[in-house]
Amino acid sequence: MLILVHEGPAGAVAAELAGCAEHCAEEAGVAADTSAVEHWLEHRNNVASFRELNERGLVVDTIEVAATWDRVLPMYHAVVASLRELPEVVLASAHSSHSYRSGTNLYFTFAARVEDKQKMPAIYLECWRRAIRATLASGGGIAHHHGIGRVRRDFLAEEIGDSGVALLRSLKSALDPDDLLNPGVLVPASTARQA
């Protein structure tokens, strides 16, 4: 089922609804009762907590990335295939929440069943590594509106290059000379700082 939610001025929403209905009809789509959307919106966040899932032996997360339309389908297949190579992974899928004329974001969700709880952190990081590397190999961007943060940080140079990271480091230094705001979280450490 494809669920689309349109927001904005009434005229724009009407045009988007008409355009989507036309495209769906061309692909033999059938309109569903709008109560399905209402049900999904009401219950979409009713999930167990990370702690509950971890206690059941599951490692889970959602990784948001983005790509242009010509790259999104190959990226989807590459990320899902890479995650499914891990024997512990029992679920690898994606959904989109923000689409534009140029492309869309994808939220990749994974779940891995890990018998040995000591291995949970390593499996978690390996799932992230696989998803980010497959995204980069497909020409996608490793973040969308959720930004970089600790897990993505060390992959940033692979996306924007050393000069891009140097520029971000210079901006951070100019705006936050004492490194008080999110120290070490958003920009990879310089070689001098790592030494």
N, C-alpha and C. Protein backbone atom coordinates (compact mmCIF):
# COMPACT_ATOMS: atom_id res chain seq x y z
N MET A 1 0.85 -1.17 0.00
CA MET A 1 0.00 0.00 0.00
C MET A 1 0.89 1.23 0.00
N LEU A 2 0.58 2.18 -0.85
CA LEU A 2 1.27 3.46 -0.92
C LEU A 2 0.41 4.49 -0.20
N ILE A 3 0.97 5.11 0.83
CA ILE A 3 0.26 6.15 1.57
C ILE A 3 0.91 7.47 1.26
N LEU A 4 0.13 8.41 0.76
CA LEU A 4 0.63 9.75 0.44
C LEU A 4 -0.15 10.77 1.26
N VAL A 5 0.58 11.69 1.87
CA VAL A 5 -0.04 12.77 2.63
C VAL A 5 0.42 14.08 2.00
N HIS A 6 -0.50 14.92 1.64
CA HIS A 6 -0.20 16.20 1.00
C HIS A 6 -0.57 17.33 1.93
N GLU A 7 0.34 18.30 2.06
CA GLU A 7 0.10 19.46 2.92
C GLU A 7 0.39 20.73 2.14
N GLY A 8 -0.25 21.81 2.53
CA GLY A 8 0.01 23.10 1.91
C GLY A 8 -1.28 23.80 1.52
N PRO A 9 -1.15 24.81 0.65
CA PRO A 9 -2.34 25.54 0.20
C PRO A 9 -3.32 24.59 -0.50
N ALA A 10 -4.60 24.86 -0.35
CA ALA A 10 -5.65 23.97 -0.87
C ALA A 10 -5.47 23.69 -2.36
N GLY A 11 -5.14 24.70 -3.15
CA GLY A 11 -4.96 24.50 -4.58
C GLY A 11 -3.81 23.57 -4.90
N ALA A 12 -2.71 23.73 -4.19
CA ALA A 12 -1.55 22.86 -4.40
C ALA A 12 -1.86 21.43 -4.00
N VAL A 13 -2.54 21.27 -2.87
CA VAL A 13 -2.91 19.93 -2.41
C VAL A 13 -3.83 19.26 -3.43
N ALA A 14 -4.81 19.99 -3.94
CA ALA A 14 -5.74 19.43 -4.94
C ALA A 14 -4.99 19.00 -6.19
N ALA A 15 -4.03 19.83 -6.64
CA ALA A 15 -3.25 19.48 -7.83
C ALA A 15 -2.39 18.25 -7.59
N GLU A 16 -1.76 18.17 -6.40
CA GLU A 16 -0.94 17.01 -6.08
C GLU A 16 -1.79 15.75 -6.00
N LEU A 17 -2.96 15.84 -5.35
CA LEU A 17 -3.85 14.69 -5.25
C LEU A 17 -4.28 14.20 -6.64
N ALA A 18 -4.64 15.14 -7.51
CA ALA A 18 -5.07 14.77 -8.86
C ALA A 18 -3.93 14.13 -9.64
N GLY A 19 -2.74 14.71 -9.53
CA GLY A 19 -1.58 14.15 -10.23
C GLY A 19 -1.22 12.76 -9.74
N CYS A 20 -1.23 12.57 -8.43
CA CYS A 20 -0.93 11.24 -7.87
C CYS A 20 -1.99 10.23 -8.26
N ALA A 21 -3.24 10.63 -8.22
CA ALA A 21 -4.33 9.72 -8.61
C ALA A 21 -4.16 9.29 -10.07
N GLU A 22 -3.77 10.23 -10.91
CA GLU A 22 -3.56 9.91 -12.33
C GLU A 22 -2.42 8.91 -12.50
N HIS A 23 -1.30 9.16 -11.83
CA HIS A 23 -0.15 8.25 -11.93
C HIS A 23 -0.49 6.87 -11.38
N CYS A 24 -1.19 6.83 -10.27
CA CYS A 24 -1.57 5.54 -9.68
C CYS A 24 -2.52 4.78 -10.61
N ALA A 25 -3.46 5.47 -11.21
CA ALA A 25 -4.39 4.82 -12.14
C ALA A 25 -3.64 4.27 -13.35
N GLU A 26 -2.63 4.99 -13.84
CA GLU A 26 -1.82 4.51 -14.96
C GLU A 26 -1.11 3.20 -14.63
N GLU A 27 -0.81 2.99 -13.35
CA GLU A 27 -0.11 1.78 -12.92
C GLU A 27 -1.08 0.74 -12.35
N ALA A 28 -2.35 0.91 -12.64
CA ALA A 28 -3.42 -0.01 -12.20
C ALA A 28 -3.61 0.00 -10.69
N GLY A 29 -3.28 1.12 -10.07
CA GLY A 29 -3.51 1.24 -8.64
C GLY A 29 -4.98 1.45 -8.33
N VAL A 30 -5.36 1.04 -7.15
CA VAL A 30 -6.75 1.17 -6.71
C VAL A 30 -6.77 2.01 -5.44
N ALA A 31 -7.62 3.01 -5.42
CA ALA A 31 -7.71 3.87 -4.24
C ALA A 31 -8.25 3.08 -3.05
N ALA A 32 -7.63 3.29 -1.91
CA ALA A 32 -8.07 2.62 -0.68
C ALA A 32 -8.91 3.58 0.14
N ASP A 33 -9.59 3.05 1.11
CA ASP A 33 -10.37 3.86 2.03
C ASP A 33 -9.42 4.77 2.81
N THR A 34 -9.76 6.02 2.98
CA THR A 34 -8.88 6.96 3.69
C THR A 34 -8.70 6.58 5.16
N SER A 35 -9.53 5.69 5.67
CA SER A 35 -9.36 5.27 7.07
C SER A 35 -8.03 4.54 7.25
N ALA A 36 -7.48 3.94 6.18
CA ALA A 36 -6.17 3.28 6.28
C ALA A 36 -5.09 4.30 6.63
N VAL A 37 -5.18 5.48 6.03
CA VAL A 37 -4.21 6.54 6.32
C VAL A 37 -4.39 7.02 7.75
N GLU A 38 -5.63 7.23 8.15
CA GLU A 38 -5.89 7.69 9.51
C GLU A 38 -5.38 6.68 10.54
N HIS A 39 -5.60 5.40 10.27
CA HIS A 39 -5.13 4.34 11.17
C HIS A 39 -3.61 4.36 11.25
N TRP A 40 -2.95 4.46 10.09
CA TRP A 40 -1.49 4.48 10.07
C TRP A 40 -0.95 5.68 10.82
N LEU A 41 -1.49 6.86 10.58
CA LEU A 41 -1.02 8.06 11.27
C LEU A 41 -1.20 7.94 12.79
N GLU A 42 -2.28 7.32 13.20
CA GLU A 42 -2.55 7.18 14.63
C GLU A 42 -1.65 6.15 15.31
N HIS A 43 -1.26 5.09 14.58
CA HIS A 43 -0.53 3.97 15.20
C HIS A 43 0.91 3.79 14.74
N ARG A 44 1.40 4.63 13.85
CA ARG A 44 2.71 4.39 13.25
C ARG A 44 3.86 4.42 14.25
N ASN A 45 3.68 5.08 15.37
CA ASN A 45 4.76 5.14 16.37
C ASN A 45 4.54 4.20 17.55
N ASN A 46 3.59 3.30 17.44
CA ASN A 46 3.34 2.33 18.52
C ASN A 46 4.28 1.14 18.36
N VAL A 47 5.50 1.31 18.80
CA VAL A 47 6.49 0.24 18.69
C VAL A 47 7.16 0.05 20.05
N ALA A 48 7.73 -1.11 20.21
CA ALA A 48 8.45 -1.40 21.46
C ALA A 48 9.68 -0.49 21.56
N SER A 49 10.14 -0.24 22.77
CA SER A 49 11.33 0.59 22.97
C SER A 49 12.58 -0.21 22.60
N PHE A 50 13.68 0.53 22.38
CA PHE A 50 14.95 -0.14 22.08
C PHE A 50 15.30 -1.12 23.21
N ARG A 51 15.08 -0.71 24.45
CA ARG A 51 15.42 -1.57 25.58
C ARG A 51 14.62 -2.89 25.52
N GLU A 52 13.31 -2.78 25.26
CA GLU A 52 12.48 -3.99 25.19
C GLU A 52 12.97 -4.91 24.07
N LEU A 53 13.29 -4.33 22.93
CA LEU A 53 13.75 -5.14 21.80
C LEU A 53 15.12 -5.76 22.09
N ASN A 54 16.02 -4.97 22.70
CA ASN A 54 17.33 -5.52 23.07
C ASN A 54 17.20 -6.67 24.06
N GLU A 55 16.29 -6.54 25.01
CA GLU A 55 16.08 -7.61 25.99
C GLU A 55 15.56 -8.89 25.33
N ARG A 56 14.92 -8.74 24.17
CA ARG A 56 14.45 -9.90 23.40
C ARG A 56 15.52 -10.43 22.44
N GLY A 57 16.73 -9.85 22.50
CA GLY A 57 17.81 -10.30 21.64
C GLY A 57 17.81 -9.67 20.26
N LEU A 58 17.12 -8.54 20.11
CA LEU A 58 17.07 -7.87 18.81
C LEU A 58 17.86 -6.57 18.83
N VAL A 59 18.63 -6.36 17.78
CA VAL A 59 19.33 -5.11 17.55
C VAL A 59 18.57 -4.43 16.41
N VAL A 60 18.09 -3.22 16.63
CA VAL A 60 17.27 -2.54 15.63
C VAL A 60 17.68 -1.07 15.51
N ASP A 61 17.43 -0.51 14.36
CA ASP A 61 17.58 0.92 14.19
C ASP A 61 17.02 1.31 12.83
N THR A 62 16.94 2.62 12.63
CA THR A 62 16.52 3.18 11.35
C THR A 62 17.59 4.17 10.93
N ILE A 63 18.01 4.06 9.68
CA ILE A 63 19.10 4.88 9.14
C ILE A 63 18.54 5.70 7.99
N GLU A 64 18.57 7.00 8.12
CA GLU A 64 18.00 7.85 7.07
C GLU A 64 19.10 8.35 6.14
N VAL A 65 18.86 8.18 4.85
CA VAL A 65 19.77 8.65 3.82
C VAL A 65 18.93 9.31 2.72
N ALA A 66 19.57 9.79 1.66
CA ALA A 66 18.81 10.44 0.58
C ALA A 66 19.51 10.20 -0.75
N ALA A 67 18.75 10.34 -1.83
CA ALA A 67 19.33 10.18 -3.17
C ALA A 67 18.44 10.87 -4.19
N THR A 68 19.01 11.14 -5.35
CA THR A 68 18.23 11.64 -6.47
C THR A 68 17.40 10.48 -7.01
N TRP A 69 16.35 10.80 -7.77
CA TRP A 69 15.43 9.77 -8.25
C TRP A 69 16.13 8.70 -9.06
N ASP A 70 17.12 9.06 -9.86
CA ASP A 70 17.79 8.06 -10.68
C ASP A 70 18.65 7.11 -9.86
N ARG A 71 18.96 7.46 -8.63
CA ARG A 71 19.83 6.62 -7.79
C ARG A 71 19.09 5.90 -6.67
N VAL A 72 17.86 6.31 -6.40
CA VAL A 72 17.20 5.81 -5.19
C VAL A 72 16.89 4.31 -5.26
N LEU A 73 16.40 3.81 -6.38
CA LEU A 73 16.07 2.38 -6.45
C LEU A 73 17.33 1.51 -6.39
N PRO A 74 18.39 1.82 -7.17
CA PRO A 74 19.62 1.03 -7.00
C PRO A 74 20.18 1.12 -5.58
N MET A 75 20.08 2.30 -4.95
CA MET A 75 20.56 2.45 -3.58
C MET A 75 19.74 1.56 -2.64
N TYR A 76 18.43 1.58 -2.80
CA TYR A 76 17.56 0.73 -1.96
C TYR A 76 18.01 -0.72 -2.05
N HIS A 77 18.15 -1.23 -3.28
CA HIS A 77 18.52 -2.64 -3.47
C HIS A 77 19.91 -2.93 -2.90
N ALA A 78 20.86 -2.01 -3.08
CA ALA A 78 22.22 -2.22 -2.59
C ALA A 78 22.27 -2.27 -1.06
N VAL A 79 21.57 -1.35 -0.41
CA VAL A 79 21.58 -1.32 1.06
C VAL A 79 20.90 -2.55 1.63
N VAL A 80 19.73 -2.88 1.11
CA VAL A 80 19.00 -4.05 1.62
C VAL A 80 19.83 -5.32 1.41
N ALA A 81 20.43 -5.47 0.23
CA ALA A 81 21.25 -6.66 -0.05
C ALA A 81 22.44 -6.74 0.90
N SER A 82 23.09 -5.61 1.14
CA SER A 82 24.25 -5.61 2.03
C SER A 82 23.86 -5.98 3.45
N LEU A 83 22.75 -5.43 3.94
CA LEU A 83 22.29 -5.77 5.28
C LEU A 83 21.93 -7.25 5.38
N ARG A 84 21.27 -7.77 4.36
CA ARG A 84 20.82 -9.17 4.40
C ARG A 84 21.95 -10.18 4.28
N GLU A 85 23.15 -9.72 3.93
CA GLU A 85 24.31 -10.61 3.92
C GLU A 85 24.70 -11.06 5.32
N LEU A 86 24.32 -10.27 6.31
CA LEU A 86 24.62 -10.64 7.70
C LEU A 86 23.64 -11.71 8.14
N PRO A 87 24.11 -12.85 8.61
CA PRO A 87 23.20 -13.93 9.01
C PRO A 87 22.25 -13.54 10.15
N GLU A 88 22.64 -12.57 10.96
CA GLU A 88 21.81 -12.15 12.09
C GLU A 88 20.63 -11.29 11.66
N VAL A 89 20.70 -10.67 10.50
CA VAL A 89 19.66 -9.74 10.06
C VAL A 89 18.40 -10.51 9.66
N VAL A 90 17.29 -10.19 10.30
CA VAL A 90 16.01 -10.83 10.00
C VAL A 90 15.06 -9.89 9.26
N LEU A 91 15.40 -8.61 9.23
CA LEU A 91 14.57 -7.62 8.54
C LEU A 91 15.46 -6.52 8.01
N ALA A 92 15.25 -6.19 6.73
CA ALA A 92 15.91 -5.03 6.13
C ALA A 92 14.93 -4.47 5.11
N SER A 93 14.49 -3.25 5.35
CA SER A 93 13.51 -2.64 4.45
C SER A 93 13.68 -1.13 4.52
N ALA A 94 12.84 -0.41 3.77
CA ALA A 94 12.93 1.05 3.81
C ALA A 94 11.58 1.67 3.49
N HIS A 95 11.44 2.90 3.93
CA HIS A 95 10.28 3.71 3.54
C HIS A 95 10.77 5.14 3.36
N SER A 96 9.96 5.94 2.71
CA SER A 96 10.31 7.34 2.46
C SER A 96 9.30 8.24 3.15
N SER A 97 9.77 9.40 3.58
CA SER A 97 8.85 10.36 4.21
C SER A 97 8.93 11.74 3.59
N HIS A 98 10.00 12.05 2.87
CA HIS A 98 10.18 13.38 2.30
C HIS A 98 10.64 13.24 0.85
N SER A 99 9.79 13.64 -0.08
CA SER A 99 10.13 13.54 -1.49
C SER A 99 10.08 14.91 -2.15
N TYR A 100 10.92 15.08 -3.14
CA TYR A 100 11.06 16.35 -3.84
C TYR A 100 11.15 16.07 -5.34
N ARG A 101 11.17 17.12 -6.14
CA ARG A 101 11.33 16.93 -7.58
C ARG A 101 12.66 16.24 -7.90
N SER A 102 13.69 16.53 -7.13
CA SER A 102 15.03 16.01 -7.42
C SER A 102 15.28 14.62 -6.84
N GLY A 103 14.55 14.23 -5.81
CA GLY A 103 14.81 12.93 -5.19
C GLY A 103 14.02 12.74 -3.92
N THR A 104 14.48 11.81 -3.09
CA THR A 104 13.74 11.46 -1.89
C THR A 104 14.69 10.97 -0.81
N ASN A 105 14.17 10.86 0.40
CA ASN A 105 14.93 10.23 1.47
C ASN A 105 14.44 8.79 1.61
N LEU A 106 15.25 7.96 2.21
CA LEU A 106 14.83 6.61 2.57
C LEU A 106 15.24 6.38 4.02
N TYR A 107 14.32 5.82 4.77
CA TYR A 107 14.61 5.35 6.12
C TYR A 107 14.80 3.84 6.02
N PHE A 108 16.03 3.38 6.16
CA PHE A 108 16.28 1.94 6.17
C PHE A 108 16.11 1.45 7.60
N THR A 109 15.28 0.44 7.76
CA THR A 109 15.08 -0.17 9.07
C THR A 109 15.69 -1.56 9.03
N PHE A 110 16.44 -1.88 10.07
CA PHE A 110 16.99 -3.24 10.17
C PHE A 110 16.69 -3.81 11.54
N ALA A 111 16.58 -5.13 11.58
CA ALA A 111 16.46 -5.86 12.84
C ALA A 111 17.36 -7.08 12.72
N ALA A 112 18.16 -7.30 13.74
CA ALA A 112 19.07 -8.45 13.76
C ALA A 112 18.86 -9.20 15.06
N ARG A 113 18.76 -10.52 14.95
CA ARG A 113 18.63 -11.36 16.15
C ARG A 113 20.03 -11.81 16.54
N VAL A 114 20.43 -11.44 17.77
CA VAL A 114 21.78 -11.72 18.23
C VAL A 114 21.69 -12.56 19.50
N GLU A 115 22.14 -13.79 19.42
CA GLU A 115 22.07 -14.71 20.57
C GLU A 115 23.00 -14.26 21.70
N ASP A 116 24.23 -13.88 21.34
CA ASP A 116 25.22 -13.46 22.33
C ASP A 116 25.11 -11.95 22.53
N LYS A 117 24.57 -11.53 23.65
CA LYS A 117 24.34 -10.10 23.89
C LYS A 117 25.63 -9.28 23.86
N GLN A 118 26.77 -9.92 24.11
CA GLN A 118 28.05 -9.21 24.03
C GLN A 118 28.36 -8.76 22.60
N LYS A 119 27.75 -9.43 21.61
CA LYS A 119 28.00 -9.10 20.21
C LYS A 119 27.04 -8.05 19.66
N MET A 120 26.06 -7.64 20.45
CA MET A 120 25.06 -6.68 19.98
C MET A 120 25.68 -5.37 19.48
N PRO A 121 26.60 -4.74 20.22
CA PRO A 121 27.17 -3.48 19.72
C PRO A 121 27.91 -3.65 18.39
N ALA A 122 28.63 -4.74 18.24
CA ALA A 122 29.37 -4.97 16.99
C ALA A 122 28.43 -5.19 15.82
N ILE A 123 27.36 -5.93 16.02
CA ILE A 123 26.38 -6.16 14.95
C ILE A 123 25.69 -4.85 14.59
N TYR A 124 25.36 -4.07 15.60
CA TYR A 124 24.73 -2.77 15.38
C TYR A 124 25.61 -1.90 14.48
N LEU A 125 26.88 -1.76 14.85
CA LEU A 125 27.79 -0.92 14.07
C LEU A 125 28.05 -1.50 12.68
N GLU A 126 28.07 -2.81 12.56
CA GLU A 126 28.26 -3.42 11.24
C GLU A 126 27.06 -3.15 10.34
N CYS A 127 25.86 -3.17 10.88
CA CYS A 127 24.68 -2.83 10.08
C CYS A 127 24.77 -1.38 9.59
N TRP A 128 25.15 -0.50 10.48
CA TRP A 128 25.31 0.90 10.07
C TRP A 128 26.39 1.03 9.00
N ARG A 129 27.53 0.38 9.22
CA ARG A 129 28.63 0.47 8.26
C ARG A 129 28.17 0.00 6.88
N ARG A 130 27.48 -1.12 6.84
CA ARG A 130 27.01 -1.66 5.57
C ARG A 130 26.01 -0.72 4.88
N ALA A 131 25.09 -0.17 5.64
CA ALA A 131 24.09 0.73 5.06
C ALA A 131 24.73 2.00 4.52
N ILE A 132 25.65 2.58 5.28
CA ILE A 132 26.29 3.82 4.84
C ILE A 132 27.21 3.56 3.65
N ARG A 133 27.99 2.50 3.68
CA ARG A 133 28.89 2.20 2.56
C ARG A 133 28.11 1.90 1.29
N ALA A 134 27.02 1.16 1.38
CA ALA A 134 26.20 0.87 0.19
C ALA A 134 25.54 2.15 -0.33
N THR A 135 25.15 3.03 0.57
CA THR A 135 24.58 4.33 0.17
C THR A 135 25.62 5.13 -0.61
N LEU A 136 26.82 5.23 -0.06
CA LEU A 136 27.88 5.98 -0.73
C LEU A 136 28.23 5.37 -2.08
N ALA A 137 28.32 4.05 -2.13
CA ALA A 137 28.65 3.37 -3.40
C ALA A 137 27.58 3.59 -4.46
N SER A 138 26.36 3.85 -4.02
CA SER A 138 25.24 4.09 -4.94
C SER A 138 25.09 5.57 -5.31
N GLY A 139 25.94 6.41 -4.76
CA GLY A 139 25.86 7.84 -5.05
C GLY A 139 24.85 8.58 -4.21
N GLY A 140 24.41 7.98 -3.12
CA GLY A 140 23.45 8.64 -2.23
C GLY A 140 24.15 9.49 -1.19
N GLY A 141 23.37 10.30 -0.49
CA GLY A 141 23.87 11.11 0.61
C GLY A 141 23.63 10.40 1.92
N ILE A 142 24.60 10.44 2.83
CA ILE A 142 24.50 9.64 4.06
C ILE A 142 23.61 10.25 5.13
N ALA A 143 23.00 11.40 4.85
CA ALA A 143 22.08 12.00 5.81
C ALA A 143 21.03 12.81 5.06
N HIS A 144 19.96 13.13 5.73
CA HIS A 144 18.93 14.00 5.18
C HIS A 144 18.69 15.05 6.24
N HIS A 145 17.51 15.14 6.81
CA HIS A 145 17.25 16.20 7.78
C HIS A 145 17.68 15.85 9.21
N HIS A 146 18.13 14.63 9.46
CA HIS A 146 18.58 14.28 10.81
C HIS A 146 20.07 14.56 11.01
N GLY A 147 20.78 14.93 9.96
CA GLY A 147 22.18 15.33 10.10
C GLY A 147 23.15 14.18 10.27
N ILE A 148 24.34 14.50 10.74
CA ILE A 148 25.44 13.53 10.77
C ILE A 148 25.50 12.80 12.11
N GLY A 149 26.05 13.36 13.15
CA GLY A 149 26.11 12.70 14.45
C GLY A 149 27.23 11.68 14.57
N ARG A 150 27.31 11.02 15.70
CA ARG A 150 28.43 10.14 16.02
C ARG A 150 28.60 8.95 15.08
N VAL A 151 27.52 8.31 14.70
CA VAL A 151 27.66 7.08 13.90
C VAL A 151 28.04 7.40 12.46
N ARG A 152 27.52 8.47 11.90
CA ARG A 152 27.83 8.84 10.51
C ARG A 152 29.13 9.64 10.37
N ARG A 153 29.53 10.28 11.43
CA ARG A 153 30.65 11.23 11.39
C ARG A 153 31.88 10.71 10.65
N ASP A 154 32.31 9.50 10.94
CA ASP A 154 33.55 8.99 10.36
C ASP A 154 33.42 8.63 8.89
N PHE A 155 32.21 8.66 8.35
CA PHE A 155 31.99 8.41 6.92
C PHE A 155 31.88 9.72 6.13
N LEU A 156 31.85 10.85 6.83
CA LEU A 156 31.60 12.13 6.18
C LEU A 156 32.64 12.45 5.10
N ALA A 157 33.91 12.17 5.36
CA ALA A 157 34.96 12.46 4.37
C ALA A 157 34.75 11.66 3.09
N GLU A 158 34.17 10.47 3.20
CA GLU A 158 33.91 9.67 2.00
C GLU A 158 32.83 10.31 1.13
N GLU A 159 31.96 11.11 1.75
CA GLU A 159 30.91 11.77 0.97
C GLU A 159 31.35 13.14 0.46
N ILE A 160 31.94 13.96 1.31
CA ILE A 160 32.25 15.34 0.90
C ILE A 160 33.74 15.59 0.71
N GLY A 161 34.58 14.58 0.91
CA GLY A 161 36.01 14.73 0.70
C GLY A 161 36.72 15.41 1.86
N ASP A 162 38.04 15.31 1.83
CA ASP A 162 38.84 15.92 2.89
C ASP A 162 38.70 17.43 2.91
N SER A 163 38.59 18.04 1.73
CA SER A 163 38.46 19.51 1.69
C SER A 163 37.10 19.93 2.26
N GLY A 164 36.05 19.14 2.02
CA GLY A 164 34.74 19.45 2.60
C GLY A 164 34.77 19.36 4.11
N VAL A 165 35.43 18.34 4.63
CA VAL A 165 35.55 18.20 6.09
C VAL A 165 36.40 19.33 6.66
N ALA A 166 37.47 19.71 5.95
CA ALA A 166 38.32 20.81 6.42
C ALA A 166 37.51 22.11 6.49
N LEU A 167 36.66 22.33 5.49
CA LEU A 167 35.81 23.53 5.51
C LEU A 167 34.87 23.50 6.71
N LEU A 168 34.21 22.36 6.95
CA LEU A 168 33.31 22.25 8.11
C LEU A 168 34.07 22.45 9.41
N ARG A 169 35.28 21.89 9.48
CA ARG A 169 36.09 22.05 10.69
C ARG A 169 36.43 23.53 10.91
N SER A 170 36.75 24.25 9.83
CA SER A 170 37.07 25.69 9.93
C SER A 170 35.86 26.47 10.39
N LEU A 171 34.69 26.15 9.84
CA LEU A 171 33.46 26.84 10.26
C LEU A 171 33.16 26.56 11.73
N LYS A 172 33.30 25.31 12.14
CA LYS A 172 33.06 24.96 13.54
C LYS A 172 34.01 25.73 14.45
N SER A 173 35.28 25.80 14.05
CA SER A 173 36.28 26.50 14.85
C SER A 173 35.98 28.00 14.95
N ALA A 174 35.52 28.58 13.84
CA ALA A 174 35.20 30.01 13.85
C ALA A 174 33.97 30.31 14.70
N LEU A 175 32.97 29.45 14.62
CA LEU A 175 31.71 29.68 15.34
C LEU A 175 31.75 29.19 16.78
N ASP A 176 32.63 28.22 17.06
CA ASP A 176 32.69 27.60 18.39
C ASP A 176 34.17 27.36 18.74
N PRO A 177 34.94 28.44 18.94
CA PRO A 177 36.39 28.31 19.12
C PRO A 177 36.80 27.46 20.33
N ASP A 178 35.95 27.37 21.34
CA ASP A 178 36.28 26.57 22.52
C ASP A 178 35.73 25.15 22.42
N ASP A 179 35.13 24.81 21.29
CA ASP A 179 34.60 23.46 21.04
C ASP A 179 33.64 23.02 22.14
N LEU A 180 32.70 23.90 22.49
CA LEU A 180 31.74 23.62 23.55
C LEU A 180 30.49 22.90 23.04
N LEU A 181 30.13 23.14 21.78
CA LEU A 181 28.88 22.59 21.25
C LEU A 181 29.13 21.25 20.55
N ASN A 182 28.59 20.21 21.09
CA ASN A 182 28.73 18.86 20.52
C ASN A 182 30.17 18.53 20.16
N PRO A 183 31.10 18.62 21.10
CA PRO A 183 32.51 18.34 20.76
C PRO A 183 32.69 16.91 20.24
N GLY A 184 33.30 16.82 19.07
CA GLY A 184 33.59 15.52 18.48
C GLY A 184 32.41 14.80 17.88
N VAL A 185 31.24 15.43 17.82
CA VAL A 185 30.04 14.74 17.36
C VAL A 185 29.79 14.93 15.87
N LEU A 186 29.95 16.14 15.37
CA LEU A 186 29.50 16.44 14.01
C LEU A 186 30.60 16.37 12.96
N VAL A 187 31.82 16.70 13.32
CA VAL A 187 32.91 16.76 12.35
C VAL A 187 34.00 15.80 12.80
N PRO A 188 34.53 14.98 11.86
CA PRO A 188 35.63 14.08 12.26
C PRO A 188 36.81 14.87 12.82
N ALA A 189 37.49 14.30 13.79
CA ALA A 189 38.63 14.97 14.40
C ALA A 189 39.73 15.14 13.36
N SER A 190 40.48 16.22 13.49
CA SER A 190 41.60 16.44 12.58
C SER A 190 42.71 15.47 12.94
N THR A 191 43.64 15.29 12.01
CA THR A 191 44.76 14.38 12.26
C THR A 191 45.56 14.85 13.47
N ALA A 192 45.71 16.16 13.57
CA ALA A 192 46.49 16.71 14.70
C ALA A 192 45.81 16.38 16.03
N ARG A 193 44.47 16.46 16.06
CA ARG A 193 43.75 16.21 17.30
C ARG A 193 43.78 14.73 17.66
N GLN A 194 43.80 13.85 16.63
CA GLN A 194 43.80 12.42 16.90
C GLN A 194 45.13 11.95 17.48
N ALA A 195 46.21 12.67 17.17
CA ALA A 195 47.56 12.24 17.60
C ALA A 195 47.72 12.31 19.10
